[in-house]
Amino acid sequence: MLRTSDVQIGYGESTVVWDVDIEVETDQIVAVLGRNGVGKTTLLRGIMGLNDLQGGHVFLDGENVSTLRPFEMAAKGVGYVPQSRDIFGAISVENNIRLGSASSDEFLLKSDVPPFIYEYFPALEEKSGAKGGTLSGGQKQQLAIARALNADPSHLLLDEPSEGIQPSIVHEIGEQLKRIRDNRGISVLIVEQNLNLAMAVADYCYVLETGRVVEQGTPEEIESSGAVDEYLAV
C-alpha cells in the first residue's frame, strides 16, 4: 500500500500541498482530481521524491520512504509517468521501452521487451522500429506507460495521462489501466482533470482544492456529493 500522512509539499518557502492524507491499496486505482493549479502534480512529485517534503510522511508497504530520491523509489517498485512523458525522440520505440528496465547498478538493459507490454499496447509493437519522436500524442503516452511497466513496478504514478490526447485514445488508455490493475496486480495513482477518464477507471477518488483534500469517496459518492460542480467544473 502507498500512503501519505499529513504531507506538505512546495517550492522553496512556498507551500502548495497542505496536510494531505491519501491511500492507494493493493490492486486499486485511485484518482486525485482538481482544477489546474491546485497541487495535483506537486503531490505526485513529492511522493516520487522529486520535491522534498516540507512536512508529513510517505509510506510504501509500511516503510517510511519520505526521504528517498526518485531512483530509490523506482528501485522499490514505484513507476512514474510524468505529464511531459519524456520520450526520447531520436531512438526507437523499442529502445524507449527497454530504457525502463535499466539497472541502476549495472546500467544494463533487458534484451527484449516483455510480451505482455505489447499485448497491452499492440500499436507500439507495430511501431517498435520507428523513432519515438514520430509517434502521435496518444502513442507517446502509451509509450511512456509501457516504459514504466518494463521496470516491473508494484505501484504506478501517472500525471495527467489524458492531456492533449483525442477522446478515443483516452478511452483506450483507461481500459489499459484497468487491465494492468486486474492482470498485473499493480496499484495506480492517477492525477487528472479529465473527469470522464477518472470516474471510469478509479476505485476511489480524492478532490484537491488549493492544495487540500476537500472531498473523497468512490466515483459515485463524488458525483452525488456536489463536489463536481463545486470544485471540478470549468
Foldseek 3Di string as FASTA:
>chain_A
DKWWAQWWFDDDPDTQAGGDIDDFDWLFEEEEEFDPRNCPLRVVCQQQQVTQTPDTFIDDPRHTCRNPHNVVVLVQFEFEQEPVLPAQQAAFLFVLLQCLQQDPVPRDTDPGQPPVLCVLVVVCVVRRRPGLNVDDLLVSLSSSVSSRCSNVGQEYEYEASCPPHDPVSLVSVLVSVNCCSVPSRHTYYYYHLPLVSCLVRGQKYFYGGSNYTPDIGHSVCCVVVCCCVVTRDD
